[in-house]
Amino acid sequence: MFGIHVQAADAEVTLTQRMRHWNLDVSGGMRYGKLEYTNAPLTLYGPGTVTFEGVGPTASLQGRRCLGNSGFSLFGNVRGSLMIGDIQTGSLLLNIPASPIEDEVMTVFENQLGVAWNYHMPYHMLLEVRTAWETQYWRNNVLEDDFYGIGSNLAFMGPTLGIELRY
């Protein structure tokens, strides 16, 4: 059975600019990321794994347009990250030994396009519900896909749902 596990955490500073009906956010900071593949059936020595774990800069741009006074808005964003870290490989095939690869670069590109709804609550609280179509692409040159289909490049695409309560 093939398994994929991804973690990402960002710490950022954001600059917000309001222009008529548009809100623009520019942010930058640091990202921690971890990407792990597991494929147990390919080896006789336990589960085969490839893991990248690293830290590096991240930057994003988001635009939002309110739709009148309805509480609805359209939004889109793009983000790029450049993480430096280590790749740990377990034996995915019998002829590939387990070995660490140090100081590798993983680039991550993301985008979202969606709609949000805001509801102002008592005590200056704001409830936001948003849904979007999101794409993420994690890329590393060292472990490009080979003819066995093993590699570290990975793309995600699909719908997302978020609920946020600000106070």
N, C-alpha and C. Protein backbone atom coordinates (compact mmCIF):
# COMPACT_ATOMS: atom_id res chain seq x y z
N MET A 1 0.84 -1.17 0.00
CA MET A 1 0.00 0.00 0.00
C MET A 1 0.89 1.24 0.00
N PHE A 2 0.60 2.18 -0.87
CA PHE A 2 1.38 3.40 -1.01
C PHE A 2 0.79 4.48 -0.13
N GLY A 3 1.63 5.16 0.67
CA GLY A 3 1.15 6.21 1.56
C GLY A 3 1.89 7.51 1.34
N ILE A 4 1.19 8.62 1.50
CA ILE A 4 1.77 9.95 1.38
C ILE A 4 1.37 10.74 2.62
N HIS A 5 2.35 11.41 3.23
CA HIS A 5 2.10 12.22 4.41
C HIS A 5 2.80 13.56 4.19
N VAL A 6 2.05 14.67 4.30
CA VAL A 6 2.59 16.01 4.08
C VAL A 6 2.24 16.89 5.27
N GLN A 7 3.23 17.67 5.74
CA GLN A 7 3.01 18.66 6.79
C GLN A 7 3.64 19.96 6.34
N ALA A 8 2.99 21.08 6.66
CA ALA A 8 3.57 22.40 6.39
C ALA A 8 3.07 23.37 7.46
N ALA A 9 3.97 24.21 7.95
CA ALA A 9 3.62 25.24 8.93
C ALA A 9 4.35 26.52 8.53
N ASP A 10 3.63 27.63 8.52
CA ASP A 10 4.18 28.92 8.12
C ASP A 10 4.13 29.91 9.27
N ALA A 11 5.14 30.76 9.37
CA ALA A 11 5.15 31.92 10.26
C ALA A 11 5.44 33.12 9.35
N GLU A 12 4.48 34.06 9.29
CA GLU A 12 4.58 35.12 8.29
C GLU A 12 4.22 36.49 8.86
N VAL A 13 4.69 37.51 8.17
CA VAL A 13 4.28 38.89 8.39
C VAL A 13 3.49 39.30 7.16
N THR A 14 2.34 39.98 7.39
CA THR A 14 1.44 40.31 6.29
C THR A 14 1.23 41.82 6.20
N LEU A 15 1.24 42.32 4.98
CA LEU A 15 0.91 43.71 4.69
C LEU A 15 -0.40 43.71 3.92
N THR A 16 -1.38 44.48 4.41
CA THR A 16 -2.70 44.54 3.77
C THR A 16 -2.91 45.92 3.17
N GLN A 17 -3.38 45.94 1.94
CA GLN A 17 -3.70 47.18 1.25
C GLN A 17 -5.14 47.10 0.74
N ARG A 18 -5.93 48.13 1.06
CA ARG A 18 -7.31 48.17 0.58
C ARG A 18 -7.41 49.19 -0.54
N MET A 19 -8.00 48.77 -1.66
CA MET A 19 -8.17 49.64 -2.82
C MET A 19 -9.60 49.49 -3.33
N ARG A 20 -10.44 50.49 -3.04
CA ARG A 20 -11.85 50.46 -3.41
C ARG A 20 -12.50 49.16 -2.96
N HIS A 21 -12.86 48.28 -3.88
CA HIS A 21 -13.53 47.02 -3.53
C HIS A 21 -12.56 45.85 -3.39
N TRP A 22 -11.27 46.10 -3.53
CA TRP A 22 -10.26 45.04 -3.48
C TRP A 22 -9.47 45.11 -2.19
N ASN A 23 -9.15 43.97 -1.62
CA ASN A 23 -8.21 43.83 -0.51
C ASN A 23 -7.04 43.01 -1.03
N LEU A 24 -5.83 43.54 -0.89
CA LEU A 24 -4.63 42.82 -1.33
C LEU A 24 -3.75 42.54 -0.11
N ASP A 25 -3.28 41.31 0.01
CA ASP A 25 -2.38 40.92 1.09
C ASP A 25 -1.09 40.40 0.46
N VAL A 26 0.03 40.91 0.95
CA VAL A 26 1.36 40.42 0.57
C VAL A 26 1.99 39.92 1.86
N SER A 27 2.52 38.71 1.84
CA SER A 27 3.12 38.18 3.06
C SER A 27 4.44 37.48 2.75
N GLY A 28 5.27 37.39 3.76
CA GLY A 28 6.54 36.69 3.65
C GLY A 28 6.93 36.16 5.01
N GLY A 29 7.70 35.10 5.00
CA GLY A 29 8.14 34.52 6.26
C GLY A 29 8.89 33.23 6.05
N MET A 30 8.74 32.31 7.00
CA MET A 30 9.43 31.03 6.97
C MET A 30 8.42 29.89 6.95
N ARG A 31 8.82 28.80 6.29
CA ARG A 31 7.99 27.60 6.23
C ARG A 31 8.80 26.39 6.66
N TYR A 32 8.15 25.54 7.46
CA TYR A 32 8.65 24.20 7.76
C TYR A 32 7.83 23.24 6.93
N GLY A 33 8.48 22.29 6.27
CA GLY A 33 7.73 21.32 5.48
C GLY A 33 8.31 19.92 5.60
N LYS A 34 7.42 18.95 5.53
CA LYS A 34 7.83 17.55 5.56
C LYS A 34 6.96 16.78 4.57
N LEU A 35 7.61 15.99 3.72
CA LEU A 35 6.94 15.18 2.71
C LEU A 35 7.47 13.76 2.84
N GLU A 36 6.56 12.79 2.99
CA GLU A 36 7.00 11.40 3.17
C GLU A 36 6.17 10.46 2.31
N TYR A 37 6.89 9.60 1.59
CA TYR A 37 6.27 8.50 0.83
C TYR A 37 6.57 7.20 1.56
N THR A 38 5.62 6.29 1.57
CA THR A 38 5.85 4.95 2.12
C THR A 38 5.24 3.94 1.17
N ASN A 39 5.98 2.85 0.89
CA ASN A 39 5.49 1.80 0.03
C ASN A 39 5.97 0.46 0.55
N ALA A 40 5.17 -0.16 1.39
CA ALA A 40 5.57 -1.41 2.05
C ALA A 40 5.76 -2.59 1.11
N PRO A 41 4.93 -2.83 0.11
CA PRO A 41 5.06 -4.06 -0.67
C PRO A 41 6.30 -4.16 -1.55
N LEU A 42 7.04 -3.08 -1.79
CA LEU A 42 8.16 -3.14 -2.72
C LEU A 42 9.44 -3.71 -2.14
N THR A 43 9.56 -3.92 -0.85
CA THR A 43 10.81 -4.38 -0.29
C THR A 43 10.63 -5.56 0.64
N LEU A 44 11.68 -6.31 0.79
CA LEU A 44 11.67 -7.43 1.73
C LEU A 44 12.20 -7.02 3.09
N TYR A 45 12.72 -5.79 3.20
CA TYR A 45 13.37 -5.32 4.42
C TYR A 45 12.52 -4.33 5.20
N GLY A 46 11.23 -4.40 5.09
CA GLY A 46 10.36 -3.45 5.77
C GLY A 46 9.85 -2.41 4.78
N PRO A 47 9.10 -1.44 5.28
CA PRO A 47 8.51 -0.46 4.37
C PRO A 47 9.57 0.42 3.72
N GLY A 48 9.41 0.66 2.44
CA GLY A 48 10.27 1.59 1.74
C GLY A 48 9.78 3.00 1.98
N THR A 49 10.70 3.93 2.20
CA THR A 49 10.31 5.31 2.49
C THR A 49 11.23 6.30 1.80
N VAL A 50 10.69 7.46 1.49
CA VAL A 50 11.44 8.64 1.09
C VAL A 50 10.86 9.79 1.88
N THR A 51 11.70 10.52 2.63
CA THR A 51 11.23 11.62 3.45
C THR A 51 12.09 12.86 3.20
N PHE A 52 11.44 13.98 2.93
CA PHE A 52 12.12 15.27 2.89
C PHE A 52 11.62 16.07 4.08
N GLU A 53 12.55 16.74 4.79
CA GLU A 53 12.18 17.62 5.88
C GLU A 53 13.10 18.84 5.82
N GLY A 54 12.49 20.05 5.76
CA GLY A 54 13.31 21.24 5.62
C GLY A 54 12.60 22.52 6.04
N VAL A 55 13.37 23.62 5.99
CA VAL A 55 12.89 24.94 6.38
C VAL A 55 13.41 25.95 5.36
N GLY A 56 12.60 26.99 5.09
CA GLY A 56 13.06 28.02 4.19
C GLY A 56 12.04 29.13 4.02
N PRO A 57 12.37 30.11 3.18
CA PRO A 57 11.49 31.27 3.00
C PRO A 57 10.22 30.93 2.21
N THR A 58 9.18 31.69 2.51
CA THR A 58 7.92 31.57 1.78
C THR A 58 7.36 32.97 1.55
N ALA A 59 6.64 33.16 0.44
CA ALA A 59 6.02 34.45 0.13
C ALA A 59 4.69 34.19 -0.57
N SER A 60 3.73 35.10 -0.35
CA SER A 60 2.42 34.92 -1.00
C SER A 60 1.80 36.26 -1.35
N LEU A 61 0.85 36.19 -2.26
CA LEU A 61 0.05 37.33 -2.68
C LEU A 61 -1.39 36.86 -2.75
N GLN A 62 -2.31 37.61 -2.10
CA GLN A 62 -3.73 37.25 -2.11
C GLN A 62 -4.55 38.48 -2.47
N GLY A 63 -5.55 38.27 -3.32
CA GLY A 63 -6.50 39.31 -3.67
C GLY A 63 -7.91 38.87 -3.32
N ARG A 64 -8.71 39.83 -2.83
CA ARG A 64 -10.09 39.53 -2.44
C ARG A 64 -10.97 40.68 -2.90
N ARG A 65 -12.13 40.34 -3.49
CA ARG A 65 -13.10 41.35 -3.94
C ARG A 65 -14.43 41.08 -3.28
N CYS A 66 -14.91 42.06 -2.52
CA CYS A 66 -16.22 41.94 -1.87
C CYS A 66 -17.32 42.08 -2.91
N LEU A 67 -18.39 41.33 -2.71
CA LEU A 67 -19.55 41.38 -3.61
C LEU A 67 -20.66 42.18 -2.94
N GLY A 68 -20.56 43.50 -3.02
CA GLY A 68 -21.54 44.38 -2.38
C GLY A 68 -21.50 44.25 -0.87
N ASN A 69 -22.66 44.34 -0.24
CA ASN A 69 -22.78 44.19 1.21
C ASN A 69 -23.34 42.83 1.60
N SER A 70 -23.20 41.85 0.72
CA SER A 70 -23.79 40.53 0.93
C SER A 70 -23.02 39.67 1.94
N GLY A 71 -21.78 40.05 2.25
CA GLY A 71 -20.94 39.20 3.09
C GLY A 71 -20.13 38.21 2.27
N PHE A 72 -20.42 38.09 0.98
CA PHE A 72 -19.68 37.19 0.10
C PHE A 72 -18.52 37.93 -0.57
N SER A 73 -17.47 37.19 -0.86
CA SER A 73 -16.34 37.75 -1.60
C SER A 73 -15.68 36.65 -2.42
N LEU A 74 -15.02 37.06 -3.49
CA LEU A 74 -14.22 36.16 -4.31
C LEU A 74 -12.76 36.38 -3.93
N PHE A 75 -11.96 35.31 -3.91
CA PHE A 75 -10.55 35.46 -3.56
C PHE A 75 -9.69 34.52 -4.37
N GLY A 76 -8.44 34.88 -4.47
CA GLY A 76 -7.44 34.05 -5.11
C GLY A 76 -6.09 34.34 -4.49
N ASN A 77 -5.22 33.35 -4.47
CA ASN A 77 -3.88 33.58 -3.94
C ASN A 77 -2.87 32.66 -4.60
N VAL A 78 -1.62 33.09 -4.54
CA VAL A 78 -0.48 32.29 -5.00
C VAL A 78 0.58 32.34 -3.91
N ARG A 79 1.34 31.25 -3.77
CA ARG A 79 2.39 31.16 -2.75
C ARG A 79 3.54 30.35 -3.33
N GLY A 80 4.74 30.74 -2.95
CA GLY A 80 5.93 29.99 -3.31
C GLY A 80 6.81 29.81 -2.10
N SER A 81 7.41 28.64 -1.97
CA SER A 81 8.31 28.33 -0.86
C SER A 81 9.55 27.64 -1.40
N LEU A 82 10.67 27.89 -0.74
CA LEU A 82 11.95 27.30 -1.12
C LEU A 82 12.58 26.76 0.16
N MET A 83 12.47 25.46 0.39
CA MET A 83 12.94 24.86 1.63
C MET A 83 14.23 24.10 1.42
N ILE A 84 15.14 24.23 2.37
CA ILE A 84 16.41 23.50 2.34
C ILE A 84 16.38 22.49 3.49
N GLY A 85 16.70 21.25 3.16
CA GLY A 85 16.65 20.21 4.18
C GLY A 85 17.31 18.94 3.71
N ASP A 86 16.98 17.85 4.37
CA ASP A 86 17.59 16.55 4.09
C ASP A 86 16.54 15.57 3.58
N ILE A 87 16.99 14.70 2.70
CA ILE A 87 16.16 13.61 2.20
C ILE A 87 16.68 12.32 2.83
N GLN A 88 15.79 11.58 3.47
CA GLN A 88 16.11 10.27 4.03
C GLN A 88 15.45 9.23 3.15
N THR A 89 16.21 8.25 2.70
CA THR A 89 15.63 7.20 1.86
C THR A 89 15.78 5.86 2.56
N GLY A 90 14.70 5.12 2.58
CA GLY A 90 14.74 3.73 2.99
C GLY A 90 14.73 2.91 1.72
N SER A 91 14.95 1.65 1.80
CA SER A 91 15.05 0.83 0.61
C SER A 91 13.68 0.67 -0.04
N LEU A 92 13.44 1.46 -1.09
CA LEU A 92 12.19 1.32 -1.83
C LEU A 92 12.24 0.12 -2.76
N LEU A 93 13.40 -0.22 -3.24
CA LEU A 93 13.62 -1.42 -4.04
C LEU A 93 14.84 -2.14 -3.47
N LEU A 94 15.00 -3.40 -3.78
CA LEU A 94 16.10 -4.16 -3.22
C LEU A 94 17.46 -3.63 -3.63
N ASN A 95 17.58 -3.01 -4.82
CA ASN A 95 18.88 -2.54 -5.29
C ASN A 95 19.16 -1.08 -4.93
N ILE A 96 18.31 -0.41 -4.11
CA ILE A 96 18.53 0.96 -3.70
C ILE A 96 18.81 0.98 -2.20
N PRO A 97 20.06 1.26 -1.80
CA PRO A 97 20.38 1.26 -0.36
C PRO A 97 19.79 2.49 0.33
N ALA A 98 19.55 2.35 1.62
CA ALA A 98 19.08 3.47 2.43
C ALA A 98 20.25 4.42 2.66
N SER A 99 20.04 5.71 2.40
CA SER A 99 21.11 6.68 2.62
C SER A 99 20.53 8.09 2.72
N PRO A 100 21.12 8.97 3.54
CA PRO A 100 20.65 10.36 3.62
C PRO A 100 21.26 11.20 2.49
N ILE A 101 20.52 12.17 2.03
CA ILE A 101 21.00 13.16 1.06
C ILE A 101 20.81 14.51 1.72
N GLU A 102 21.90 15.23 1.98
CA GLU A 102 21.85 16.45 2.78
C GLU A 102 21.78 17.70 1.92
N ASP A 103 21.24 18.77 2.51
CA ASP A 103 21.19 20.11 1.92
C ASP A 103 20.51 20.12 0.55
N GLU A 104 19.38 19.49 0.48
CA GLU A 104 18.58 19.48 -0.75
C GLU A 104 17.57 20.61 -0.74
N VAL A 105 17.11 21.02 -1.91
CA VAL A 105 16.14 22.11 -2.05
C VAL A 105 14.82 21.53 -2.54
N MET A 106 13.75 21.88 -1.84
CA MET A 106 12.39 21.51 -2.24
C MET A 106 11.64 22.80 -2.53
N THR A 107 11.09 22.92 -3.74
CA THR A 107 10.28 24.09 -4.08
C THR A 107 8.81 23.68 -4.02
N VAL A 108 7.99 24.59 -3.49
CA VAL A 108 6.56 24.34 -3.37
C VAL A 108 5.83 25.52 -3.99
N PHE A 109 4.92 25.23 -4.92
CA PHE A 109 4.08 26.25 -5.54
C PHE A 109 2.63 25.92 -5.21
N GLU A 110 1.85 26.94 -4.83
CA GLU A 110 0.44 26.73 -4.47
C GLU A 110 -0.41 27.84 -5.05
N ASN A 111 -1.67 27.54 -5.30
CA ASN A 111 -2.64 28.58 -5.64
C ASN A 111 -4.03 28.15 -5.21
N GLN A 112 -4.89 29.15 -5.00
CA GLN A 112 -6.29 28.91 -4.63
C GLN A 112 -7.15 29.91 -5.37
N LEU A 113 -8.36 29.49 -5.67
CA LEU A 113 -9.38 30.36 -6.23
C LEU A 113 -10.70 29.93 -5.63
N GLY A 114 -11.41 30.90 -4.98
CA GLY A 114 -12.63 30.48 -4.30
C GLY A 114 -13.54 31.62 -3.89
N VAL A 115 -14.50 31.26 -3.03
CA VAL A 115 -15.50 32.20 -2.53
C VAL A 115 -15.55 32.09 -1.01
N ALA A 116 -15.78 33.25 -0.35
CA ALA A 116 -15.86 33.29 1.11
C ALA A 116 -17.12 34.01 1.54
N TRP A 117 -17.61 33.67 2.74
CA TRP A 117 -18.77 34.34 3.34
C TRP A 117 -18.40 34.76 4.74
N ASN A 118 -18.65 36.04 5.08
CA ASN A 118 -18.34 36.60 6.40
C ASN A 118 -19.62 36.94 7.13
N TYR A 119 -19.60 36.70 8.45
CA TYR A 119 -20.73 37.06 9.32
C TYR A 119 -20.17 37.76 10.55
N HIS A 120 -20.55 39.02 10.75
CA HIS A 120 -20.11 39.78 11.91
C HIS A 120 -20.95 39.38 13.13
N MET A 121 -20.26 38.95 14.18
CA MET A 121 -20.90 38.47 15.40
C MET A 121 -20.72 39.50 16.51
N PRO A 122 -21.44 39.34 17.62
CA PRO A 122 -21.26 40.25 18.75
C PRO A 122 -19.82 40.22 19.28
N TYR A 123 -19.46 41.25 20.02
CA TYR A 123 -18.15 41.37 20.66
C TYR A 123 -17.01 41.41 19.64
N HIS A 124 -17.26 42.03 18.49
CA HIS A 124 -16.25 42.24 17.43
C HIS A 124 -15.66 40.93 16.91
N MET A 125 -16.44 39.87 16.92
CA MET A 125 -15.99 38.60 16.36
C MET A 125 -16.47 38.50 14.92
N LEU A 126 -15.70 37.77 14.11
CA LEU A 126 -16.03 37.57 12.70
C LEU A 126 -15.93 36.09 12.37
N LEU A 127 -16.99 35.54 11.82
CA LEU A 127 -17.01 34.16 11.35
C LEU A 127 -16.82 34.19 9.84
N GLU A 128 -15.87 33.41 9.33
CA GLU A 128 -15.66 33.32 7.89
C GLU A 128 -15.69 31.85 7.47
N VAL A 129 -16.47 31.56 6.45
CA VAL A 129 -16.53 30.23 5.84
C VAL A 129 -16.09 30.41 4.40
N ARG A 130 -15.11 29.61 3.97
CA ARG A 130 -14.61 29.75 2.60
C ARG A 130 -14.40 28.38 1.97
N THR A 131 -14.58 28.36 0.67
CA THR A 131 -14.31 27.16 -0.10
C THR A 131 -13.52 27.58 -1.34
N ALA A 132 -12.62 26.70 -1.78
CA ALA A 132 -11.75 27.05 -2.90
C ALA A 132 -11.31 25.79 -3.63
N TRP A 133 -10.82 26.00 -4.82
CA TRP A 133 -10.12 24.96 -5.57
C TRP A 133 -8.64 25.24 -5.36
N GLU A 134 -7.90 24.27 -4.86
CA GLU A 134 -6.49 24.48 -4.51
C GLU A 134 -5.59 23.52 -5.27
N THR A 135 -4.41 24.02 -5.63
CA THR A 135 -3.38 23.21 -6.28
C THR A 135 -2.07 23.42 -5.55
N GLN A 136 -1.35 22.34 -5.27
CA GLN A 136 -0.01 22.40 -4.68
C GLN A 136 0.91 21.50 -5.50
N TYR A 137 2.15 21.96 -5.68
CA TYR A 137 3.15 21.17 -6.40
C TYR A 137 4.45 21.19 -5.61
N TRP A 138 4.89 20.03 -5.10
CA TRP A 138 6.13 19.87 -4.35
C TRP A 138 7.16 19.26 -5.30
N ARG A 139 8.33 19.93 -5.47
CA ARG A 139 9.30 19.50 -6.48
C ARG A 139 10.71 19.50 -5.94
N ASN A 140 11.47 18.42 -6.27
CA ASN A 140 12.87 18.28 -5.92
C ASN A 140 13.59 17.62 -7.09
N ASN A 141 14.74 18.15 -7.51
CA ASN A 141 15.46 17.63 -8.67
C ASN A 141 16.16 16.30 -8.43
N VAL A 142 16.61 16.04 -7.20
CA VAL A 142 17.40 14.83 -6.94
C VAL A 142 16.57 13.57 -7.11
N LEU A 143 15.37 13.57 -6.60
CA LEU A 143 14.55 12.36 -6.65
C LEU A 143 13.42 12.49 -7.66
N GLU A 144 13.76 12.93 -8.87
CA GLU A 144 12.76 12.98 -9.94
C GLU A 144 12.17 11.59 -10.15
N ASP A 145 10.97 11.55 -10.66
CA ASP A 145 10.35 10.25 -10.93
C ASP A 145 11.22 9.44 -11.88
N ASP A 146 11.45 8.17 -11.54
CA ASP A 146 12.22 7.30 -12.43
C ASP A 146 11.27 6.33 -13.14
N PHE A 147 11.80 5.37 -13.85
CA PHE A 147 10.94 4.47 -14.62
C PHE A 147 10.15 3.52 -13.74
N TYR A 148 10.46 3.43 -12.42
CA TYR A 148 9.65 2.66 -11.50
C TYR A 148 8.47 3.47 -10.95
N GLY A 149 8.47 4.79 -11.24
CA GLY A 149 7.42 5.65 -10.72
C GLY A 149 7.70 6.12 -9.30
N ILE A 150 8.97 6.00 -8.87
CA ILE A 150 9.36 6.42 -7.54
C ILE A 150 10.03 7.78 -7.65
N GLY A 151 9.60 8.73 -6.86
CA GLY A 151 10.21 10.05 -6.87
C GLY A 151 9.55 10.94 -5.84
N SER A 152 10.13 12.12 -5.69
CA SER A 152 9.63 13.01 -4.64
C SER A 152 8.69 14.08 -5.17
N ASN A 153 8.55 14.23 -6.47
CA ASN A 153 7.67 15.27 -7.00
C ASN A 153 6.22 14.84 -6.83
N LEU A 154 5.42 15.79 -6.34
CA LEU A 154 4.06 15.45 -5.97
C LEU A 154 3.15 16.64 -6.24
N ALA A 155 1.98 16.38 -6.80
CA ALA A 155 1.00 17.44 -7.04
C ALA A 155 -0.31 17.06 -6.37
N PHE A 156 -0.91 18.05 -5.71
CA PHE A 156 -2.24 17.89 -5.11
C PHE A 156 -3.17 18.85 -5.81
N MET A 157 -4.42 18.43 -5.99
CA MET A 157 -5.42 19.31 -6.57
C MET A 157 -6.78 18.88 -6.04
N GLY A 158 -7.59 19.88 -5.65
CA GLY A 158 -8.92 19.53 -5.19
C GLY A 158 -9.58 20.64 -4.40
N PRO A 159 -10.81 20.39 -3.97
CA PRO A 159 -11.55 21.40 -3.22
C PRO A 159 -11.08 21.47 -1.76
N THR A 160 -11.16 22.67 -1.18
CA THR A 160 -10.86 22.86 0.23
C THR A 160 -12.01 23.61 0.90
N LEU A 161 -12.15 23.43 2.20
CA LEU A 161 -13.16 24.11 2.99
C LEU A 161 -12.47 24.62 4.25
N GLY A 162 -12.69 25.90 4.58
CA GLY A 162 -12.09 26.48 5.77
C GLY A 162 -13.13 27.24 6.58
N ILE A 163 -13.03 27.15 7.90
CA ILE A 163 -13.90 27.90 8.81
C ILE A 163 -12.99 28.62 9.79
N GLU A 164 -13.18 29.92 9.92
CA GLU A 164 -12.30 30.73 10.76
C GLU A 164 -13.16 31.63 11.66
N LEU A 165 -12.76 31.72 12.92
CA LEU A 165 -13.42 32.62 13.87
C LEU A 165 -12.37 33.60 14.36
N ARG A 166 -12.53 34.87 14.04
CA ARG A 166 -11.60 35.93 14.46
C ARG A 166 -12.23 36.71 15.60
N TYR A 167 -11.43 37.05 16.56
CA TYR A 167 -11.93 37.87 17.68
C TYR A 167 -10.88 38.89 18.09
